Amino acid sequence: MTDVVPAKTSGPSLPTRLAFGFGGAAEGIKNNGFEYFLLFFYSQILGVPAAMVFLALMIALVVDAMSDPIVGYWSDNIRTRIGRRHPFMYAALLPVGLTYYLAWNPPEGLSTNGLFLWLLVLTISVRLSFTMYEVPSTALVPELTPDYDARTSLMSYRYFFAWIGGLSIQIFLLFFLLKPSEQNPSGYFHIPGWHLYGQVAAGVILLAAAVSTFGTHARIPHLKAPPAQRNLTLGKVFSEIFETISNPSFRALFLATLFGLLASGVSASLNQYINGYFWGFTTTQTAGLTVAVYISAVLALIIAPIAGRMFGKKRAALAIGVLAFTIAPAPVFARLMGLMPPNGTDALYNIVLTVTIFDLALIIATQMLMGSMVADIVEDSEVQTGRRSEGIFYAGISFIRKLAQASGVFVATMVLTFAGIQEGAQPDKVTDSSLTSLGWGYAVTLLAAWTLMMFCVGFYRISRESHAANLVALAEREGKGPTH
């Protein structure tokens, strides 16, 4: 009997990969701003208590929690002349830019309660707009190619541009917009710079989303057709959603993503405190660290596809991830044990710079591999349920990403409270005991979250071979017969 193998398909063209990948810059810029600067901007700069900022983010999360599965399921089943995904992407173009701009440009003269309400409304609006864009957009991956390795390439481009976009806007903010002065030597309290940041970031977000949407439009005739029309009740909809997300590999990645992004959320939310307070870096030095991360993104773009081809996605993600989480908190632990050079020295900065480059390269590569692993769940679930549910799977990952980010802000807030760092405190006014508490809270949290992430990835079941078997089974089910 001849072995049955799936047909070898060529991956998407380079223009398609670039267009799809560039769309990640929109999400990268938004995530960078929300994770690295939102808590800092509203609490330290505008004076809103950190607990109130966290409350606004949590309320927005509850509202957004309902939108992810709705948009995901809707984009799986909608029938239009321009396919299932693009109607949502087109509808979201203007809202994603406008709402992000307004989030960083509150009206002057608002009280603390007024700023809280503004943040609440705009955070909800930003999240809903990005759900309409990001869930259908990333759900295109399994439709653009069934190829195991080509999907890793697609997600590598997506994450590459997400990081490059977020980093570029962050560098622009730190280098050119936050201007130091005699009264504000760190530069962080230059409010006009924050407002201009919102304007520039919103414009690039709109551009990236538009390029991705229009750039993948030509692929619409080649994407998967929606399911046949059927009578759907609310109970049937939720039954199908729960059946879909019960896939064991999806559960593993769902939880792994939660813990991985919890670590990222804590790291991002406390980034300004670690760099500006714990290490005593200036905004120029922090910007230098950010510039160096360009190297990390390029390294990850090389590492992830090669590792995925050589070892398979799961084993590659495990190996790279374990290495990443051991490196990430190492400099902070070393300082707490008295093994790092003192603040203000070139030696300290060079050590942190080197560690940051290589550790972030490994973290980004892990994210690329895990993003591609989600795509392979689509066929695994279709074999079991008879339905393609790209939108639901990516909605689930989108939801857990937001939950992890909000949880990261919560944990970061707890660390700041534990350390006794008050709103508006200048770096030179923070005590040594507070800095020590900040370091322990930061490093231990990262180590615990990354360890839990790797544990969960271990339960992912899909390999290159099982993915190939799923493609064969689906081809035979559709009457195409096996390809030898």
Protein backbone atom coordinates (compact mmCIF):
# COMPACT_ATOMS: atom_id res chain seq x y z
CA MET A 1 0.00 0.00 0.00
CA THR A 2 1.38 3.39 -0.95
CA ASP A 3 1.94 5.87 1.89
CA VAL A 4 -0.53 8.74 1.89
CA VAL A 5 0.97 12.17 2.16
CA PRO A 6 -0.58 15.59 1.78
CA ALA A 7 0.09 17.65 -1.25
CA LYS A 8 3.05 20.00 -0.85
CA THR A 9 1.83 23.54 -1.25
CA SER A 10 3.90 26.62 -1.86
CA GLY A 11 3.71 29.31 0.78
CA PRO A 12 2.17 32.73 0.20
CA SER A 13 4.07 35.10 -2.08
CA LEU A 14 6.50 37.59 -0.57
CA PRO A 15 4.15 40.57 -1.14
CA THR A 16 1.37 38.69 0.65
CA ARG A 17 3.66 37.78 3.54
CA LEU A 18 4.85 41.37 3.82
CA ALA A 19 1.33 42.81 3.68
CA PHE A 20 0.04 40.34 6.25
CA GLY A 21 3.09 40.82 8.44
CA PHE A 22 3.02 44.62 8.30
CA GLY A 23 -0.48 44.50 9.75
CA GLY A 24 1.10 43.31 12.98
CA ALA A 25 2.63 46.76 13.44
CA ALA A 26 -0.81 48.10 14.38
CA GLU A 27 -1.23 45.63 17.21
CA GLY A 28 2.43 45.99 18.19
CA ILE A 29 2.16 49.76 18.58
CA LYS A 30 -1.06 49.48 20.56
CA ASN A 31 0.30 46.75 22.82
CA ASN A 32 3.56 48.62 23.32
CA GLY A 33 1.73 51.76 24.39
CA PHE A 34 -0.80 50.01 26.60
CA GLU A 35 1.70 47.65 28.23
CA TYR A 36 4.74 49.89 28.64
CA PHE A 37 3.29 53.35 29.08
CA LEU A 38 -0.45 53.48 29.84
CA LEU A 39 -0.20 52.78 33.58
CA PHE A 40 2.85 55.02 33.81
CA PHE A 41 1.24 57.88 31.84
CA TYR A 42 -2.06 58.00 33.69
CA SER A 43 -0.63 57.34 37.17
CA GLN A 44 2.82 58.92 37.27
CA ILE A 45 2.31 61.71 34.73
CA LEU A 46 -1.38 62.63 35.06
CA GLY A 47 -1.65 61.65 38.73
CA VAL A 48 -4.47 59.09 38.58
CA PRO A 49 -3.96 56.47 41.34
CA ALA A 50 -2.59 53.24 39.91
CA ALA A 51 -5.51 51.31 41.42
CA MET A 52 -7.98 53.45 39.46
CA VAL A 53 -6.05 52.88 36.24
CA PHE A 54 -6.17 49.14 36.87
CA LEU A 55 -9.92 49.32 37.57
CA ALA A 56 -10.53 51.07 34.24
CA LEU A 57 -8.53 48.40 32.42
CA MET A 58 -10.40 45.59 34.15
CA ILE A 59 -13.82 47.03 33.33
CA ALA A 60 -12.75 47.39 29.71
CA LEU A 61 -11.59 43.78 29.78
CA VAL A 62 -14.99 42.55 30.96
CA VAL A 63 -16.68 44.39 28.08
CA ASP A 64 -14.08 43.16 25.60
CA ALA A 65 -14.40 39.59 26.84
CA MET A 66 -17.79 39.44 25.16
CA SER A 67 -16.53 40.85 21.86
CA ASP A 68 -13.74 38.35 21.12
CA PRO A 69 -15.84 35.16 20.75
CA ILE A 70 -18.63 37.09 19.04
CA VAL A 71 -16.32 38.56 16.41
CA GLY A 72 -14.44 35.28 16.02
CA TYR A 73 -17.57 33.18 15.52
CA TRP A 74 -19.19 35.83 13.32
CA SER A 75 -16.13 36.03 11.05
CA ASP A 76 -16.12 32.23 10.74
CA ASN A 77 -19.72 32.15 9.53
CA ILE A 78 -20.50 35.43 7.76
CA ARG A 79 -21.22 35.31 4.01
CA THR A 80 -20.27 38.38 1.94
CA ARG A 81 -18.89 39.17 -1.50
CA ILE A 82 -15.53 40.03 0.08
CA GLY A 83 -15.19 36.91 2.17
CA ARG A 84 -15.39 36.25 5.87
CA ARG A 85 -12.53 38.31 7.34
CA HIS A 86 -12.17 41.47 5.30
CA PRO A 87 -15.55 43.09 6.11
CA PHE A 88 -14.46 43.37 9.74
CA MET A 89 -10.98 44.55 8.84
CA TYR A 90 -12.28 47.33 6.60
CA ALA A 91 -14.85 48.42 9.19
CA ALA A 92 -12.15 48.73 11.88
CA LEU A 93 -9.67 50.89 9.94
CA LEU A 94 -10.74 54.35 11.09
CA PRO A 95 -11.80 53.39 14.63
CA VAL A 96 -8.44 51.78 15.51
CA GLY A 97 -6.58 55.00 14.69
CA LEU A 98 -9.04 57.50 16.14
CA THR A 99 -9.63 55.78 19.46
CA TYR A 100 -5.91 55.27 20.08
CA TYR A 101 -5.25 58.96 19.42
CA LEU A 102 -7.93 60.02 21.90
CA ALA A 103 -6.63 57.69 24.61
CA TRP A 104 -3.42 59.70 24.81
CA ASN A 105 -5.03 63.11 24.35
CA PRO A 106 -7.57 63.65 27.15
CA PRO A 107 -9.14 67.11 27.32
CA GLU A 108 -7.31 69.61 29.51
CA GLY A 109 -8.63 70.38 32.95
CA LEU A 110 -10.18 67.00 33.72
CA SER A 111 -10.30 66.03 37.36
CA THR A 112 -9.00 62.68 38.60
CA ASN A 113 -12.48 61.20 38.24
CA GLY A 114 -12.82 62.77 34.81
CA LEU A 115 -9.52 61.24 33.69
CA PHE A 116 -10.67 57.88 35.04
CA LEU A 117 -13.88 58.03 33.00
CA TRP A 118 -12.01 59.17 29.89
CA LEU A 119 -9.54 56.30 30.25
CA LEU A 120 -12.37 53.83 30.82
CA VAL A 121 -14.37 54.85 27.74
CA LEU A 122 -11.33 55.08 25.46
CA THR A 123 -9.81 51.82 26.67
CA ILE A 124 -13.06 50.03 25.89
CA SER A 125 -13.23 51.73 22.49
CA VAL A 126 -9.62 50.88 21.59
CA ARG A 127 -10.04 47.25 22.61
CA LEU A 128 -13.30 46.77 20.69
CA SER A 129 -11.85 48.41 17.57
CA PHE A 130 -8.75 46.23 17.66
CA THR A 131 -10.85 43.11 18.21
CA MET A 132 -12.71 43.90 14.98
CA TYR A 133 -9.38 44.20 13.15
CA GLU A 134 -6.98 41.79 14.83
CA VAL A 135 -9.11 38.66 15.30
CA PRO A 136 -10.18 38.34 11.62
CA SER A 137 -6.76 39.47 10.42
CA THR A 138 -4.76 36.84 12.31
CA ALA A 139 -7.41 34.22 11.47
CA LEU A 140 -6.21 34.53 7.87
CA VAL A 141 -3.05 32.52 8.66
CA PRO A 142 -4.56 28.99 8.32
CA GLU A 143 -6.44 30.13 5.21
CA LEU A 144 -3.45 31.66 3.46
CA THR A 145 -1.53 28.36 3.59
CA PRO A 146 -1.95 24.85 5.02
CA ASP A 147 1.82 24.31 4.98
CA TYR A 148 3.37 23.55 8.38
CA ASP A 149 6.52 25.62 7.88
CA ALA A 150 4.99 28.38 5.76
CA ARG A 151 2.68 29.21 8.66
CA THR A 152 5.71 29.75 10.88
CA SER A 153 7.10 32.10 8.23
CA LEU A 154 3.83 34.05 8.14
CA MET A 155 3.66 34.42 11.91
CA SER A 156 7.35 35.32 12.04
CA TYR A 157 6.70 38.25 9.72
CA ARG A 158 3.67 39.23 11.80
CA TYR A 159 5.57 39.27 15.08
CA PHE A 160 8.62 40.87 13.47
CA PHE A 161 6.62 43.86 12.27
CA ALA A 162 4.70 43.99 15.56
CA TRP A 163 7.93 44.36 17.47
CA ILE A 164 9.55 46.70 14.94
CA GLY A 165 6.47 48.92 14.85
CA GLY A 166 6.13 49.08 18.60
CA LEU A 167 9.84 49.68 19.09
CA SER A 168 10.06 52.40 16.45
CA ILE A 169 7.27 54.44 17.98
CA GLN A 170 8.71 53.90 21.46
CA ILE A 171 12.11 55.13 20.29
CA PHE A 172 10.48 58.17 18.71
CA LEU A 173 8.76 58.91 22.03
CA LEU A 174 11.87 58.51 24.19
CA PHE A 175 14.38 60.14 21.87
CA PHE A 176 12.42 63.02 20.40
CA LEU A 177 9.22 63.67 22.35
CA LEU A 178 10.07 63.38 26.05
CA LYS A 179 12.41 66.35 26.36
CA PRO A 180 14.44 66.74 29.59
CA SER A 181 14.58 70.11 31.32
CA GLU A 182 16.00 71.57 34.54
CA GLN A 183 12.72 70.93 36.35
CA ASN A 184 12.21 67.58 34.58
CA PRO A 185 15.67 66.01 34.14
CA SER A 186 14.31 62.56 33.23
CA GLY A 187 12.10 63.93 30.44
CA TYR A 188 9.18 61.69 31.44
CA PHE A 189 7.01 64.58 32.64
CA HIS A 190 6.95 66.50 29.32
CA ILE A 191 3.20 66.14 28.71
CA PRO A 192 3.08 67.66 25.16
CA GLY A 193 5.40 64.87 24.07
CA TRP A 194 2.91 62.25 25.25
CA HIS A 195 0.12 63.94 23.30
CA LEU A 196 2.17 64.04 20.10
CA TYR A 197 3.04 60.39 20.63
CA GLY A 198 -0.67 59.55 20.53
CA GLN A 199 -1.07 61.40 17.25
CA VAL A 200 1.90 59.77 15.51
CA ALA A 201 1.16 56.28 16.85
CA ALA A 202 -2.47 56.49 15.74
CA GLY A 203 -1.41 57.46 12.21
CA VAL A 204 0.98 54.53 11.88
CA ILE A 205 -1.63 52.15 13.32
CA LEU A 206 -4.10 53.25 10.66
CA LEU A 207 -1.47 52.87 7.92
CA ALA A 208 -0.44 49.36 9.03
CA ALA A 209 -4.01 48.11 9.28
CA ALA A 210 -4.84 49.56 5.86
CA VAL A 211 -1.77 48.02 4.18
CA SER A 212 -2.59 44.59 5.60
CA THR A 213 -6.27 44.81 4.73
CA PHE A 214 -5.80 46.03 1.16
CA GLY A 215 -2.66 43.93 0.66
CA THR A 216 -4.45 40.64 1.38
CA HIS A 217 -7.64 41.59 -0.49
CA ALA A 218 -6.52 39.84 -3.68
CA ARG A 219 -6.36 36.53 -1.80
CA ILE A 220 -10.09 36.59 -0.97
CA PRO A 221 -11.14 34.27 -3.86
CA HIS A 222 -8.59 31.69 -2.66
CA LEU A 223 -9.61 31.70 1.00
CA LYS A 224 -11.88 29.12 2.60
CA ALA A 225 -15.58 29.47 1.82
CA PRO A 226 -17.99 30.03 4.72
CA PRO A 227 -20.01 27.02 5.91
CA ALA A 228 -23.35 26.28 4.34
CA GLN A 229 -26.24 28.34 5.62
CA ARG A 230 -27.98 26.75 8.57
CA ASN A 231 -30.43 27.58 11.28
CA LEU A 232 -28.52 28.83 14.29
CA THR A 233 -29.89 29.39 17.75
CA LEU A 234 -28.06 31.07 20.63
CA GLY A 235 -27.70 27.69 22.32
CA LYS A 236 -26.28 26.15 19.13
CA VAL A 237 -23.76 28.97 18.75
CA PHE A 238 -22.42 28.60 22.29
CA SER A 239 -22.45 24.82 21.98
CA GLU A 240 -20.24 25.02 18.89
CA ILE A 241 -17.91 27.55 20.53
CA PHE A 242 -17.40 25.38 23.61
CA GLU A 243 -16.95 22.24 21.49
CA THR A 244 -14.30 24.03 19.45
CA ILE A 245 -12.27 25.40 22.34
CA SER A 246 -12.30 22.01 24.09
CA ASN A 247 -9.51 20.90 21.76
CA PRO A 248 -6.67 19.69 24.07
CA SER A 249 -3.91 21.45 22.13
CA PHE A 250 -5.85 24.69 22.18
CA ARG A 251 -6.31 24.43 25.94
CA ALA A 252 -2.57 23.92 26.33
CA LEU A 253 -1.72 26.99 24.23
CA PHE A 254 -4.49 29.02 25.84
CA LEU A 255 -2.98 28.55 29.29
CA ALA A 256 0.58 28.85 28.03
CA THR A 257 -0.30 32.15 26.39
CA LEU A 258 -1.89 33.34 29.63
CA PHE A 259 1.26 32.77 31.67
CA GLY A 260 3.65 33.92 28.95
CA LEU A 261 1.83 37.17 28.39
CA LEU A 262 1.36 37.65 32.13
CA ALA A 263 5.15 37.71 32.33
CA SER A 264 5.30 40.08 29.35
CA GLY A 265 2.63 42.31 30.89
CA VAL A 266 4.48 42.54 34.21
CA SER A 267 7.76 43.20 32.41
CA ALA A 268 6.23 45.87 30.19
CA SER A 269 4.24 47.60 32.95
CA LEU A 270 7.29 47.77 35.20
CA ASN A 271 9.76 48.49 32.40
CA GLN A 272 9.96 52.22 33.11
CA TYR A 273 10.36 51.57 36.82
CA ILE A 274 13.09 48.97 36.34
CA ASN A 275 15.03 51.07 33.84
CA GLY A 276 14.42 54.50 35.34
CA TYR A 277 14.31 53.65 39.06
CA PHE A 278 16.04 50.29 39.67
CA TRP A 279 18.90 50.73 37.19
CA GLY A 280 18.84 54.54 37.23
CA PHE A 281 18.94 54.86 33.43
CA THR A 282 18.01 58.12 31.72
CA THR A 283 15.41 58.27 28.97
CA THR A 284 18.27 58.41 26.45
CA GLN A 285 19.78 55.21 27.84
CA THR A 286 16.37 53.53 27.89
CA ALA A 287 15.91 54.57 24.27
CA GLY A 288 19.29 53.02 23.52
CA LEU A 289 18.08 49.72 24.98
CA THR A 290 15.03 49.98 22.78
CA VAL A 291 17.08 50.64 19.65
CA ALA A 292 19.13 47.53 20.36
CA VAL A 293 16.00 45.40 20.38
CA TYR A 294 15.86 45.85 16.60
CA ILE A 295 18.66 43.30 16.61
CA SER A 296 16.49 41.00 18.73
CA ALA A 297 13.65 41.14 16.22
CA VAL A 298 15.95 40.35 13.31
CA LEU A 299 17.53 37.45 15.20
CA ALA A 300 14.09 36.06 16.06
CA LEU A 301 12.98 36.29 12.42
CA ILE A 302 15.92 34.03 11.59
CA ILE A 303 15.76 31.71 14.61
CA ALA A 304 12.05 30.81 14.68
CA PRO A 305 11.62 29.37 11.13
CA ILE A 306 14.91 27.49 11.28
CA ALA A 307 14.19 26.01 14.71
CA GLY A 308 10.65 25.08 13.65
CA ARG A 309 11.91 23.22 10.57
CA MET A 310 14.70 21.44 12.43
CA PHE A 311 12.95 20.39 15.63
CA GLY A 312 9.21 20.91 15.07
CA LYS A 313 7.32 23.79 16.60
CA LYS A 314 6.62 22.34 20.03
CA ARG A 315 10.15 21.16 20.79
CA ALA A 316 11.63 24.36 19.40
CA ALA A 317 9.29 26.51 21.51
CA LEU A 318 10.13 24.53 24.64
CA ALA A 319 13.88 24.69 24.15
CA ILE A 320 13.97 28.37 23.24
CA GLY A 321 11.43 29.31 25.91
CA VAL A 322 13.29 27.60 28.75
CA LEU A 323 16.48 29.40 27.75
CA ALA A 324 14.61 32.71 27.56
CA PHE A 325 13.02 32.55 31.00
CA THR A 326 16.31 31.69 32.69
CA ILE A 327 18.01 34.70 31.12
CA ALA A 328 15.23 37.30 31.59
CA PRO A 329 15.41 37.95 35.37
CA ALA A 330 19.10 37.09 35.75
CA PRO A 331 20.49 40.68 35.89
CA VAL A 332 17.97 41.71 38.55
CA PHE A 333 18.75 38.64 40.68
CA ALA A 334 22.45 39.40 40.25
CA ARG A 335 21.97 42.97 41.49
CA LEU A 336 19.98 41.78 44.50
CA MET A 337 22.87 39.47 45.38
CA GLY A 338 25.39 42.30 44.96
CA LEU A 339 26.97 40.94 41.79
CA MET A 340 26.27 43.82 39.37
CA PRO A 341 28.25 47.03 38.83
CA PRO A 342 26.82 50.15 40.53
CA ASN A 343 24.27 52.39 38.86
CA GLY A 344 25.65 55.06 36.59
CA THR A 345 28.51 52.92 35.25
CA ASP A 346 29.07 51.95 31.63
CA ALA A 347 29.66 48.35 32.69
CA LEU A 348 26.13 48.05 34.13
CA TYR A 349 24.54 49.50 31.02
CA ASN A 350 26.51 47.25 28.68
CA ILE A 351 25.56 44.11 30.65
CA VAL A 352 21.86 44.97 30.66
CA LEU A 353 22.04 45.89 26.96
CA THR A 354 23.63 42.56 25.97
CA VAL A 355 21.21 40.47 28.04
CA THR A 356 18.23 42.39 26.66
CA ILE A 357 19.23 41.76 23.03
CA PHE A 358 19.62 38.00 23.31
CA ASP A 359 16.81 37.37 25.77
CA LEU A 360 14.24 39.29 23.74
CA ALA A 361 15.34 37.48 20.58
CA LEU A 362 14.49 34.19 22.28
CA ILE A 363 11.20 35.50 23.65
CA ILE A 364 10.08 36.81 20.25
CA ALA A 365 11.08 33.53 18.57
CA THR A 366 8.98 31.63 21.12
CA GLN A 367 6.01 33.89 20.38
CA MET A 368 6.41 33.30 16.63
CA LEU A 369 6.44 29.54 17.05
CA MET A 370 3.43 29.53 19.38
CA GLY A 371 1.48 31.78 17.00
CA SER A 372 2.10 29.27 14.22
CA MET A 373 1.09 26.40 16.52
CA VAL A 374 -2.37 27.97 16.88
CA ALA A 375 -2.84 27.78 13.09
CA ASP A 376 -2.25 24.01 13.10
CA ILE A 377 -5.06 23.50 15.63
CA VAL A 378 -7.57 24.57 12.95
CA GLU A 379 -7.30 21.35 10.92
CA ASP A 380 -6.99 19.23 14.06
CA SER A 381 -10.30 20.64 15.27
CA GLU A 382 -11.90 20.38 11.83
CA VAL A 383 -11.15 16.66 11.74
CA GLN A 384 -12.94 16.27 15.08
CA THR A 385 -15.87 18.69 14.66
CA GLY A 386 -16.34 19.04 10.90
CA ARG A 387 -16.05 22.85 11.19
CA ARG A 388 -13.27 25.31 10.43
CA SER A 389 -13.08 27.73 13.35
CA GLU A 390 -10.08 29.98 12.72
CA GLY A 391 -11.89 32.98 14.12
CA ILE A 392 -12.82 31.29 17.38
CA PHE A 393 -9.29 30.04 18.01
CA TYR A 394 -7.68 33.40 17.35
CA ALA A 395 -10.43 35.12 19.32
CA GLY A 396 -9.54 32.87 22.24
CA ILE A 397 -5.88 33.80 21.97
CA SER A 398 -6.84 37.46 21.57
CA PHE A 399 -8.95 37.29 24.71
CA ILE A 400 -6.29 35.56 26.79
CA ARG A 401 -3.75 38.11 25.56
CA LYS A 402 -5.92 40.92 26.89
CA LEU A 403 -6.60 39.08 30.13
CA ALA A 404 -2.88 38.49 30.58
CA GLN A 405 -2.09 42.15 29.88
CA ALA A 406 -4.64 43.32 32.43
CA SER A 407 -3.43 40.69 34.89
CA GLY A 408 0.11 41.89 34.24
CA VAL A 409 -0.94 45.44 35.12
CA PHE A 410 -2.62 44.12 38.28
CA VAL A 411 0.49 42.18 39.35
CA ALA A 412 2.67 45.18 38.47
CA THR A 413 0.42 47.38 40.59
CA MET A 414 0.77 44.93 43.49
CA VAL A 415 4.57 44.96 43.10
CA LEU A 416 4.59 48.78 43.14
CA THR A 417 2.37 48.80 46.22
CA PHE A 418 4.61 46.22 47.90
CA ALA A 419 7.65 48.34 47.06
CA GLY A 420 5.99 51.51 48.37
CA ILE A 421 6.55 53.54 45.20
CA GLN A 422 4.04 56.38 45.15
CA GLU A 423 2.41 58.12 42.18
CA GLY A 424 4.54 60.96 40.80
CA ALA A 425 7.69 59.93 42.71
CA GLN A 426 10.89 61.06 41.00
CA PRO A 427 13.60 58.36 40.63
CA ASP A 428 16.00 60.07 43.06
CA LYS A 429 13.33 60.12 45.78
CA VAL A 430 12.78 56.34 45.93
CA THR A 431 14.46 54.57 48.87
CA ASP A 432 16.91 51.69 48.56
CA SER A 433 14.51 49.36 50.41
CA SER A 434 11.77 50.18 47.90
CA LEU A 435 14.11 49.43 45.01
CA THR A 436 15.07 46.09 46.56
CA SER A 437 11.39 45.16 46.97
CA LEU A 438 10.75 46.24 43.38
CA GLY A 439 13.56 43.99 42.14
CA TRP A 440 12.42 40.91 44.06
CA GLY A 441 8.79 41.33 43.02
CA TYR A 442 9.75 41.81 39.37
CA ALA A 443 12.26 38.93 39.08
CA VAL A 444 10.31 36.30 41.04
CA THR A 445 7.09 37.03 39.14
CA LEU A 446 8.81 36.68 35.76
CA LEU A 447 10.48 33.41 36.70
CA ALA A 448 7.25 31.87 38.05
CA ALA A 449 5.11 32.93 35.05
CA TRP A 450 7.59 31.70 32.43
CA THR A 451 7.96 28.35 34.21
CA LEU A 452 4.18 27.82 34.19
CA MET A 453 4.10 28.75 30.50
CA MET A 454 6.62 26.07 29.55
CA PHE A 455 4.76 23.50 31.64
CA CYS A 456 1.56 24.17 29.67
CA VAL A 457 3.27 24.07 26.25
CA GLY A 458 4.29 20.51 27.12
CA PHE A 459 0.65 19.40 26.74
CA TYR A 460 0.39 20.55 23.10
CA ARG A 461 -0.17 17.44 20.93
CA ILE A 462 0.21 18.43 17.27
CA SER A 463 3.42 17.51 15.46
CA ARG A 464 4.48 17.87 11.85
CA GLU A 465 3.37 14.29 11.25
CA SER A 466 -0.05 14.61 12.90
CA HIS A 467 -0.67 17.87 11.01
CA ALA A 468 0.12 16.09 7.74
CA ALA A 469 -2.29 13.29 8.70
CA ASN A 470 -5.01 15.86 9.41
CA LEU A 471 -4.56 17.42 5.97
CA VAL A 472 -4.86 13.99 4.35
CA ALA A 473 -7.99 13.15 6.32
CA LEU A 474 -9.63 16.43 5.35
CA ALA A 475 -8.68 16.02 1.68
CA GLU A 476 -10.26 12.56 1.62
CA ARG A 477 -13.36 13.86 3.42
CA GLU A 478 -13.76 16.56 0.77
CA GLY A 479 -13.53 13.92 -1.95
CA LYS A 480 -10.20 15.09 -3.29
CA GLY A 481 -8.50 11.81 -2.55
CA PRO A 482 -4.99 11.34 -1.28
CA THR A 483 -1.97 12.79 -2.97
CA HIS A 484 0.98 10.43 -3.38
